[in-house]
């Protein structure tokens, strides 16, 4: 059977007018003799929420970690804010890293630090601020993500799963980033908590002008808050576009995922 060529679609009728904030070109990543990503291309546009989806083990988180510089590439390039990361000097690279925030799967909060201290970790690493100002900023971030004020001095072990997600998001927003990377942000949350978190992400995007790269398995998130979806399969992006594009793309996994029994009438 002939290989299915990747299909690309943007909601803008004039894609050349859209501002690409993140560009991945020809990226290949492997571990040992196993290739996980091969010649992968993907653009992320300023101000959008991009949902990045694929079967378990296909490399969704690997791509995110590769963009962040946590995995090595065997080939390809990553461009952020128009700057090729390979060609960036140390000062430029640090400036780029200050302009993104990351929410890792399961939150990845430091268990020995309070919420306040966790939020202040990026501030201490990248900024020179007084303790009083860092305290004020931490309180602001806690309020921004919808946590109760008294959560700021609690340890992660004292928080519910939903509170951990919000505290982790507050830390991701510590440096007022332009782009936020979210790795399975609604995993482990009940449907109400997941819907509330999706609404929070959409509100923050609209109010702060964020660009959001969201790795997710959550069909509801893809259907309700994502402006565009990219599907990973066969070590590359199989298709990208709107939910309507997903529903009409002729690939076995894509059809099973978006039109299968668990789709619950999406696009009907």
C-alpha atoms as a PDB file:
ATOM      1  CA  UNK A   1       0.000   0.000   0.000  1.00  0.00           C
ATOM      2  CA  UNK A   2       1.350   3.439  -0.908  1.00  0.00           C
ATOM      3  CA  UNK A   3       2.518   5.601   1.980  1.00  0.00           C
ATOM      4  CA  UNK A   4       0.116   8.325   3.071  1.00  0.00           C
ATOM      5  CA  UNK A   5       1.666  11.748   2.640  1.00  0.00           C
ATOM      6  CA  UNK A   6       1.386  14.175   5.548  1.00  0.00           C
ATOM      7  CA  UNK A   7      -1.499  16.594   5.168  1.00  0.00           C
ATOM      8  CA  UNK A   8      -1.037  20.143   6.374  1.00  0.00           C
ATOM      9  CA  UNK A   9      -3.757  22.702   6.913  1.00  0.00           C
ATOM     10  CA  UNK A  10      -3.975  25.965   8.800  1.00  0.00           C
ATOM     11  CA  UNK A  11      -7.158  27.816   9.729  1.00  0.00           C
ATOM     12  CA  UNK A  12      -5.804  30.952   8.060  1.00  0.00           C
ATOM     13  CA  UNK A  13      -6.478  31.139   4.330  1.00  0.00           C
ATOM     14  CA  UNK A  14      -3.159  32.976   4.000  1.00  0.00           C
ATOM     15  CA  UNK A  15      -0.726  30.888   6.082  1.00  0.00           C
ATOM     16  CA  UNK A  16       2.226  32.954   4.950  1.00  0.00           C
ATOM     17  CA  UNK A  17       0.867  35.854   7.022  1.00  0.00           C
ATOM     18  CA  UNK A  18       0.914  33.812  10.230  1.00  0.00           C
ATOM     19  CA  UNK A  19       3.797  34.259  12.644  1.00  0.00           C
ATOM     20  CA  UNK A  20       5.642  30.987  13.249  1.00  0.00           C
ATOM     21  CA  UNK A  21       6.895  31.026  16.851  1.00  0.00           C
ATOM     22  CA  UNK A  22       8.289  27.481  16.778  1.00  0.00           C
ATOM     23  CA  UNK A  23       9.551  25.624  13.716  1.00  0.00           C
ATOM     24  CA  UNK A  24      10.786  22.032  13.653  1.00  0.00           C
ATOM     25  CA  UNK A  25      12.430  20.923  10.409  1.00  0.00           C
ATOM     26  CA  UNK A  26      13.659  17.448   9.520  1.00  0.00           C
ATOM     27  CA  UNK A  27      14.139  16.416  13.136  1.00  0.00           C
ATOM     28  CA  UNK A  28      15.366  12.870  13.714  1.00  0.00           C
ATOM     29  CA  UNK A  29      15.755  11.446  17.224  1.00  0.00           C
ATOM     30  CA  UNK A  30      16.754   7.955  18.248  1.00  0.00           C
ATOM     31  CA  UNK A  31      17.885   5.977  21.254  1.00  0.00           C
ATOM     32  CA  UNK A  32      20.380   3.237  20.518  1.00  0.00           C
ATOM     33  CA  UNK A  33      19.326   1.513  17.319  1.00  0.00           C
ATOM     34  CA  UNK A  34      15.695   2.647  17.597  1.00  0.00           C
ATOM     35  CA  UNK A  35      14.477   5.715  15.703  1.00  0.00           C
ATOM     36  CA  UNK A  36      11.640   7.509  17.478  1.00  0.00           C
ATOM     37  CA  UNK A  37      11.282  10.548  15.211  1.00  0.00           C
ATOM     38  CA  UNK A  38      12.450  10.715  11.613  1.00  0.00           C
ATOM     39  CA  UNK A  39      12.568  13.786   9.374  1.00  0.00           C
ATOM     40  CA  UNK A  40       9.718  15.384  11.328  1.00  0.00           C
ATOM     41  CA  UNK A  41       8.406  18.849  10.374  1.00  0.00           C
ATOM     42  CA  UNK A  42       6.041  21.008  12.433  1.00  0.00           C
ATOM     43  CA  UNK A  43       5.193  24.701  12.748  1.00  0.00           C
ATOM     44  CA  UNK A  44       3.501  26.287  15.758  1.00  0.00           C
ATOM     45  CA  UNK A  45       1.879  29.681  15.222  1.00  0.00           C
ATOM     46  CA  UNK A  46       1.875  32.604  17.619  1.00  0.00           C
ATOM     47  CA  UNK A  47      -1.203  32.748  19.833  1.00  0.00           C
ATOM     48  CA  UNK A  48      -2.552  29.295  19.027  1.00  0.00           C
ATOM     49  CA  UNK A  49      -3.199  26.270  21.218  1.00  0.00           C
ATOM     50  CA  UNK A  50      -1.757  23.319  19.316  1.00  0.00           C
ATOM     51  CA  UNK A  51      -2.786  19.861  20.445  1.00  0.00           C
ATOM     52  CA  UNK A  52      -0.114  17.240  19.747  1.00  0.00           C
ATOM     53  CA  UNK A  53      -1.523  13.723  19.793  1.00  0.00           C
ATOM     54  CA  UNK A  54      -0.486  10.209  18.864  1.00  0.00           C
ATOM     55  CA  UNK A  55      -0.539   6.626  20.086  1.00  0.00           C
ATOM     56  CA  UNK A  56       1.305   5.824  23.319  1.00  0.00           C
ATOM     57  CA  UNK A  57       5.016   5.410  22.754  1.00  0.00           C
ATOM     58  CA  UNK A  58       5.130   7.222  19.427  1.00  0.00           C
ATOM     59  CA  UNK A  59       7.354  10.028  20.733  1.00  0.00           C
ATOM     60  CA  UNK A  60       5.096  12.968  21.613  1.00  0.00           C
ATOM     61  CA  UNK A  61       6.959  13.819  24.797  1.00  0.00           C
ATOM     62  CA  UNK A  62      10.248  13.017  23.046  1.00  0.00           C
ATOM     63  CA  UNK A  63       9.585  15.818  20.559  1.00  0.00           C
ATOM     64  CA  UNK A  64       8.737  18.279  23.312  1.00  0.00           C
ATOM     65  CA  UNK A  65      11.869  17.375  25.260  1.00  0.00           C
ATOM     66  CA  UNK A  66      13.929  17.620  22.067  1.00  0.00           C
ATOM     67  CA  UNK A  67      12.678  21.143  21.392  1.00  0.00           C
ATOM     68  CA  UNK A  68      13.593  22.028  24.978  1.00  0.00           C
ATOM     69  CA  UNK A  69      17.101  20.674  24.460  1.00  0.00           C
ATOM     70  CA  UNK A  70      16.680  17.726  26.840  1.00  0.00           C
ATOM     71  CA  UNK A  71      17.122  15.144  24.071  1.00  0.00           C
ATOM     72  CA  UNK A  72      19.788  15.192  21.379  1.00  0.00           C
ATOM     73  CA  UNK A  73      18.854  15.321  17.715  1.00  0.00           C
ATOM     74  CA  UNK A  74      20.537  13.140  15.136  1.00  0.00           C
ATOM     75  CA  UNK A  75      19.414  15.468  12.373  1.00  0.00           C
ATOM     76  CA  UNK A  76      17.230  18.502  11.720  1.00  0.00           C
ATOM     77  CA  UNK A  77      16.862  21.921  13.250  1.00  0.00           C
ATOM     78  CA  UNK A  78      14.678  23.702  15.794  1.00  0.00           C
ATOM     79  CA  UNK A  79      13.896  27.378  15.416  1.00  0.00           C
ATOM     80  CA  UNK A  80      12.253  29.390  18.216  1.00  0.00           C
ATOM     81  CA  UNK A  81      11.253  33.034  17.802  1.00  0.00           C
ATOM     82  CA  UNK A  82      13.059  32.980  14.454  1.00  0.00           C
ATOM     83  CA  UNK A  83      16.338  31.870  16.035  1.00  0.00           C
ATOM     84  CA  UNK A  84      18.030  28.595  15.100  1.00  0.00           C
ATOM     85  CA  UNK A  85      18.871  27.041  18.471  1.00  0.00           C
ATOM     86  CA  UNK A  86      22.024  25.391  17.111  1.00  0.00           C
ATOM     87  CA  UNK A  87      23.375  28.742  15.995  1.00  0.00           C
ATOM     88  CA  UNK A  88      22.384  30.692  19.095  1.00  0.00           C
ATOM     89  CA  UNK A  89      25.087  31.973  21.412  1.00  0.00           C
ATOM     90  CA  UNK A  90      24.770  31.409  25.158  1.00  0.00           C
ATOM     91  CA  UNK A  91      23.116  34.766  25.857  1.00  0.00           C
ATOM     92  CA  UNK A  92      20.531  34.289  23.102  1.00  0.00           C
ATOM     93  CA  UNK A  93      19.830  30.734  24.219  1.00  0.00           C
ATOM     94  CA  UNK A  94      19.227  31.873  27.801  1.00  0.00           C
ATOM     95  CA  UNK A  95      16.890  34.613  26.571  1.00  0.00           C
ATOM     96  CA  UNK A  96      14.908  32.022  24.603  1.00  0.00           C
ATOM     97  CA  UNK A  97      14.719  29.693  27.601  1.00  0.00           C
ATOM     98  CA  UNK A  98      13.410  32.559  29.729  1.00  0.00           C
ATOM     99  CA  UNK A  99      10.655  33.010  27.150  1.00  0.00           C
ATOM    100  CA  UNK A 100       9.168  29.544  27.528  1.00  0.00           C
ATOM    101  CA  UNK A 101       7.503  27.748  30.404  1.00  0.00           C
ATOM    102  CA  UNK A 102       7.081  24.017  30.868  1.00  0.00           C
ATOM    103  CA  UNK A 103       4.536  21.880  32.679  1.00  0.00           C
ATOM    104  CA  UNK A 104       5.897  18.344  32.745  1.00  0.00           C
ATOM    105  CA  UNK A 105       3.668  15.309  33.079  1.00  0.00           C
ATOM    106  CA  UNK A 106       2.641  14.713  36.720  1.00  0.00           C
ATOM    107  CA  UNK A 107       3.735  18.257  37.579  1.00  0.00           C
ATOM    108  CA  UNK A 108       7.365  17.496  38.526  1.00  0.00           C
ATOM    109  CA  UNK A 109       7.264  19.819  41.528  1.00  0.00           C
ATOM    110  CA  UNK A 110      10.172  19.635  43.968  1.00  0.00           C
ATOM    111  CA  UNK A 111       8.713  17.676  46.876  1.00  0.00           C
ATOM    112  CA  UNK A 112      10.916  19.355  49.488  1.00  0.00           C
ATOM    113  CA  UNK A 113       9.832  22.865  48.458  1.00  0.00           C
ATOM    114  CA  UNK A 114       6.568  24.679  49.086  1.00  0.00           C
ATOM    115  CA  UNK A 115       4.441  25.960  46.206  1.00  0.00           C
ATOM    116  CA  UNK A 116       5.934  29.417  46.780  1.00  0.00           C
ATOM    117  CA  UNK A 117       9.467  28.058  46.600  1.00  0.00           C
ATOM    118  CA  UNK A 118       8.711  25.947  43.530  1.00  0.00           C
ATOM    119  CA  UNK A 119       7.371  28.991  41.673  1.00  0.00           C
ATOM    120  CA  UNK A 120      10.434  30.984  42.659  1.00  0.00           C
ATOM    121  CA  UNK A 121      12.930  28.419  41.296  1.00  0.00           C
ATOM    122  CA  UNK A 122      12.955  29.931  37.753  1.00  0.00           C
ATOM    123  CA  UNK A 123      13.109  33.435  39.231  1.00  0.00           C
ATOM    124  CA  UNK A 124      16.194  32.581  41.266  1.00  0.00           C
ATOM    125  CA  UNK A 125      17.825  30.949  38.239  1.00  0.00           C
ATOM    126  CA  UNK A 126      17.225  33.719  35.721  1.00  0.00           C
ATOM    127  CA  UNK A 127      16.422  36.954  37.589  1.00  0.00           C
ATOM    128  CA  UNK A 128      17.908  39.113  40.327  1.00  0.00           C
ATOM    129  CA  UNK A 129      14.958  40.079  42.491  1.00  0.00           C
ATOM    130  CA  UNK A 130      14.421  40.825  46.155  1.00  0.00           C
ATOM    131  CA  UNK A 131      12.744  38.202  48.343  1.00  0.00           C
ATOM    132  CA  UNK A 132       9.787  40.521  48.825  1.00  0.00           C
ATOM    133  CA  UNK A 133       9.263  40.976  45.097  1.00  0.00           C
ATOM    134  CA  UNK A 134       9.575  37.228  44.459  1.00  0.00           C
ATOM    135  CA  UNK A 135       6.981  36.612  47.178  1.00  0.00           C
ATOM    136  CA  UNK A 136       4.634  39.125  45.552  1.00  0.00           C
ATOM    137  CA  UNK A 137       5.111  37.530  42.133  1.00  0.00           C
ATOM    138  CA  UNK A 138       4.542  34.031  43.520  1.00  0.00           C
ATOM    139  CA  UNK A 139       1.264  35.151  45.090  1.00  0.00           C
ATOM    140  CA  UNK A 140       0.242  36.685  41.762  1.00  0.00           C
ATOM    141  CA  UNK A 141       0.971  33.438  39.882  1.00  0.00           C
ATOM    142  CA  UNK A 142      -0.983  31.420  42.459  1.00  0.00           C
ATOM    143  CA  UNK A 143      -3.976  33.690  41.974  1.00  0.00           C
ATOM    144  CA  UNK A 144      -3.562  33.598  38.199  1.00  0.00           C
ATOM    145  CA  UNK A 145      -3.962  29.798  38.059  1.00  0.00           C
ATOM    146  CA  UNK A 146      -6.929  29.736  40.429  1.00  0.00           C
ATOM    147  CA  UNK A 147      -5.324  28.301  43.549  1.00  0.00           C
ATOM    148  CA  UNK A 148      -6.475  29.394  46.996  1.00  0.00           C
ATOM    149  CA  UNK A 149      -4.061  31.877  48.633  1.00  0.00           C
ATOM    150  CA  UNK A 150      -3.201  29.463  51.455  1.00  0.00           C
ATOM    151  CA  UNK A 151      -1.904  26.897  48.935  1.00  0.00           C
ATOM    152  CA  UNK A 152       1.239  28.954  48.484  1.00  0.00           C
ATOM    153  CA  UNK A 153       2.883  27.632  51.653  1.00  0.00           C
ATOM    154  CA  UNK A 154       1.832  24.001  51.228  1.00  0.00           C
ATOM    155  CA  UNK A 155       4.101  21.206  50.087  1.00  0.00           C
ATOM    156  CA  UNK A 156       3.214  19.086  47.031  1.00  0.00           C
ATOM    157  CA  UNK A 157       2.273  16.173  49.320  1.00  0.00           C
ATOM    158  CA  UNK A 158      -0.481  18.361  50.772  1.00  0.00           C
ATOM    159  CA  UNK A 159      -2.051  19.111  47.387  1.00  0.00           C
ATOM    160  CA  UNK A 160      -4.642  17.260  45.346  1.00  0.00           C
ATOM    161  CA  UNK A 161      -3.848  16.169  41.791  1.00  0.00           C
ATOM    162  CA  UNK A 162      -5.649  19.166  40.341  1.00  0.00           C
ATOM    163  CA  UNK A 163      -3.863  21.555  42.694  1.00  0.00           C
ATOM    164  CA  UNK A 164      -0.488  20.066  41.706  1.00  0.00           C
ATOM    165  CA  UNK A 165      -1.294  20.736  38.040  1.00  0.00           C
ATOM    166  CA  UNK A 166      -2.180  24.342  38.819  1.00  0.00           C
ATOM    167  CA  UNK A 167       0.885  24.857  40.995  1.00  0.00           C
ATOM    168  CA  UNK A 168       3.051  23.439  38.224  1.00  0.00           C
ATOM    169  CA  UNK A 169       1.399  25.782  35.747  1.00  0.00           C
ATOM    170  CA  UNK A 170       2.082  28.705  38.094  1.00  0.00           C
ATOM    171  CA  UNK A 171       5.763  27.742  38.055  1.00  0.00           C
ATOM    172  CA  UNK A 172       5.676  27.508  34.245  1.00  0.00           C
ATOM    173  CA  UNK A 173       4.336  31.078  34.172  1.00  0.00           C
ATOM    174  CA  UNK A 174       6.909  32.397  36.638  1.00  0.00           C
ATOM    175  CA  UNK A 175       8.938  34.294  34.019  1.00  0.00           C
ATOM    176  CA  UNK A 176       5.948  35.526  31.963  1.00  0.00           C
ATOM    177  CA  UNK A 177       6.713  33.242  28.999  1.00  0.00           C
ATOM    178  CA  UNK A 178       5.566  33.733  25.426  1.00  0.00           C
ATOM    179  CA  UNK A 179       5.159  29.995  24.806  1.00  0.00           C
ATOM    180  CA  UNK A 180       4.091  27.264  27.223  1.00  0.00           C
ATOM    181  CA  UNK A 181       4.749  23.543  26.755  1.00  0.00           C
ATOM    182  CA  UNK A 182       2.224  21.270  28.473  1.00  0.00           C
ATOM    183  CA  UNK A 183       2.821  17.512  28.721  1.00  0.00           C
ATOM    184  CA  UNK A 184      -0.464  15.656  29.330  1.00  0.00           C
ATOM    185  CA  UNK A 185      -1.855  18.493  31.493  1.00  0.00           C
ATOM    186  CA  UNK A 186      -5.226  16.834  32.181  1.00  0.00           C
ATOM    187  CA  UNK A 187      -4.007  13.277  32.783  1.00  0.00           C
ATOM    188  CA  UNK A 188      -5.159  11.953  36.140  1.00  0.00           C
ATOM    189  CA  UNK A 189      -7.869  14.587  36.526  1.00  0.00           C
ATOM    190  CA  UNK A 190     -11.580  13.798  36.746  1.00  0.00           C
ATOM    191  CA  UNK A 191     -13.728  15.104  33.849  1.00  0.00           C
ATOM    192  CA  UNK A 192     -14.796  18.223  35.749  1.00  0.00           C
ATOM    193  CA  UNK A 193     -11.247  19.028  36.823  1.00  0.00           C
ATOM    194  CA  UNK A 194      -9.964  18.420  33.291  1.00  0.00           C
ATOM    195  CA  UNK A 195     -12.606  20.718  31.797  1.00  0.00           C
ATOM    196  CA  UNK A 196     -11.759  23.437  34.323  1.00  0.00           C
ATOM    197  CA  UNK A 197      -8.062  23.120  33.507  1.00  0.00           C
ATOM    198  CA  UNK A 198      -8.786  23.372  29.782  1.00  0.00           C
ATOM    199  CA  UNK A 199     -10.831  26.507  30.429  1.00  0.00           C
ATOM    200  CA  UNK A 200      -7.954  27.947  32.461  1.00  0.00           C
ATOM    201  CA  UNK A 201      -5.491  27.321  29.617  1.00  0.00           C
ATOM    202  CA  UNK A 202      -7.808  29.010  27.116  1.00  0.00           C
ATOM    203  CA  UNK A 203      -8.323  31.996  29.425  1.00  0.00           C
ATOM    204  CA  UNK A 204      -4.591  32.419  30.009  1.00  0.00           C
ATOM    205  CA  UNK A 205      -3.926  32.206  26.280  1.00  0.00           C
ATOM    206  CA  UNK A 206      -6.497  34.919  25.606  1.00  0.00           C
ATOM    207  CA  UNK A 207      -5.489  37.225  28.466  1.00  0.00           C
ATOM    208  CA  UNK A 208      -1.697  36.791  28.375  1.00  0.00           C
ATOM    209  CA  UNK A 209      -1.273  36.221  24.643  1.00  0.00           C
ATOM    210  CA  UNK A 210       0.379  32.839  25.174  1.00  0.00           C
ATOM    211  CA  UNK A 211       1.214  30.264  22.547  1.00  0.00           C
ATOM    212  CA  UNK A 212       0.505  26.761  23.841  1.00  0.00           C
ATOM    213  CA  UNK A 213       2.061  23.471  22.709  1.00  0.00           C
ATOM    214  CA  UNK A 214      -0.027  20.777  24.385  1.00  0.00           C
ATOM    215  CA  UNK A 215       0.874  17.095  24.321  1.00  0.00           C
ATOM    216  CA  UNK A 216      -2.361  15.308  25.147  1.00  0.00           C
ATOM    217  CA  UNK A 217      -4.467  12.178  24.796  1.00  0.00           C
ATOM    218  CA  UNK A 218      -7.613  14.010  25.897  1.00  0.00           C
ATOM    219  CA  UNK A 219     -10.189  14.106  23.093  1.00  0.00           C
ATOM    220  CA  UNK A 220     -12.239  16.684  24.973  1.00  0.00           C
ATOM    221  CA  UNK A 221      -9.235  19.010  25.174  1.00  0.00           C
ATOM    222  CA  UNK A 222      -8.571  18.576  21.476  1.00  0.00           C
ATOM    223  CA  UNK A 223     -12.199  19.304  20.624  1.00  0.00           C
ATOM    224  CA  UNK A 224     -12.821  22.236  22.968  1.00  0.00           C
ATOM    225  CA  UNK A 225      -9.661  24.326  23.392  1.00  0.00           C
ATOM    226  CA  UNK A 226      -7.210  23.426  20.627  1.00  0.00           C
ATOM    227  CA  UNK A 227      -7.159  25.699  17.585  1.00  0.00           C
ATOM    228  CA  UNK A 228      -5.196  23.128  15.626  1.00  0.00           C
ATOM    229  CA  UNK A 229      -4.161  19.501  16.030  1.00  0.00           C
ATOM    230  CA  UNK A 230      -1.058  17.642  14.865  1.00  0.00           C
ATOM    231  CA  UNK A 231      -0.994  13.839  14.861  1.00  0.00           C
ATOM    232  CA  UNK A 232       2.245  11.915  15.327  1.00  0.00           C
ATOM    233  CA  UNK A 233       2.588   8.513  13.706  1.00  0.00           C
ATOM    234  CA  UNK A 234       5.177   6.536  11.762  1.00  0.00           C
ATOM    235  CA  UNK A 235       7.853   8.783  13.377  1.00  0.00           C
ATOM    236  CA  UNK A 236       6.529  11.979  11.732  1.00  0.00           C
ATOM    237  CA  UNK A 237       3.541  14.305  11.686  1.00  0.00           C
ATOM    238  CA  UNK A 238       0.856  12.454   9.746  1.00  0.00           C
ATOM    239  CA  UNK A 239      -1.668  15.263   9.597  1.00  0.00           C
ATOM    240  CA  UNK A 240      -2.193  18.718  11.046  1.00  0.00           C
ATOM    241  CA  UNK A 241      -5.198  21.000  10.923  1.00  0.00           C
ATOM    242  CA  UNK A 242      -8.601  21.488  12.479  1.00  0.00           C
ATOM    243  CA  UNK A 243     -10.824  18.850  14.042  1.00  0.00           C
ATOM    244  CA  UNK A 244     -12.678  18.641  10.734  1.00  0.00           C
ATOM    245  CA  UNK A 245      -9.391  17.726   9.057  1.00  0.00           C
ATOM    246  CA  UNK A 246      -8.882  14.929  11.586  1.00  0.00           C
ATOM    247  CA  UNK A 247     -12.355  13.545  10.993  1.00  0.00           C
ATOM    248  CA  UNK A 248     -11.781  13.263   7.247  1.00  0.00           C
ATOM    249  CA  UNK A 249      -8.185  12.021   7.200  1.00  0.00           C
ATOM    250  CA  UNK A 250      -7.854   8.483   5.846  1.00  0.00           C
ATOM    251  CA  UNK A 251      -5.419   6.760   8.186  1.00  0.00           C
ATOM    252  CA  UNK A 252      -6.335   3.748  10.366  1.00  0.00           C
ATOM    253  CA  UNK A 253      -5.139   5.174  13.712  1.00  0.00           C
ATOM    254  CA  UNK A 254      -6.482   8.660  13.032  1.00  0.00           C
ATOM    255  CA  UNK A 255      -9.887   7.264  12.066  1.00  0.00           C
ATOM    256  CA  UNK A 256      -9.982   4.964  15.087  1.00  0.00           C
ATOM    257  CA  UNK A 257      -9.000   7.763  17.476  1.00  0.00           C
ATOM    258  CA  UNK A 258     -11.205  10.574  16.230  1.00  0.00           C
ATOM    259  CA  UNK A 259     -14.143   8.544  14.933  1.00  0.00           C
ATOM    260  CA  UNK A 260     -14.057   5.474  17.162  1.00  0.00           C
ATOM    261  CA  UNK A 261     -16.310   4.449  20.040  1.00  0.00           C
ATOM    262  CA  UNK A 262     -14.667   6.819  22.533  1.00  0.00           C
ATOM    263  CA  UNK A 263     -15.066   9.837  20.258  1.00  0.00           C
ATOM    264  CA  UNK A 264     -18.603  10.266  21.627  1.00  0.00           C
ATOM    265  CA  UNK A 265     -19.980  12.010  18.599  1.00  0.00           C
ATOM    266  CA  UNK A 266     -17.185  14.554  18.082  1.00  0.00           C
ATOM    267  CA  UNK A 267     -17.842  16.320  14.816  1.00  0.00           C
ATOM    268  CA  UNK A 268     -21.339  14.850  14.496  1.00  0.00           C
END
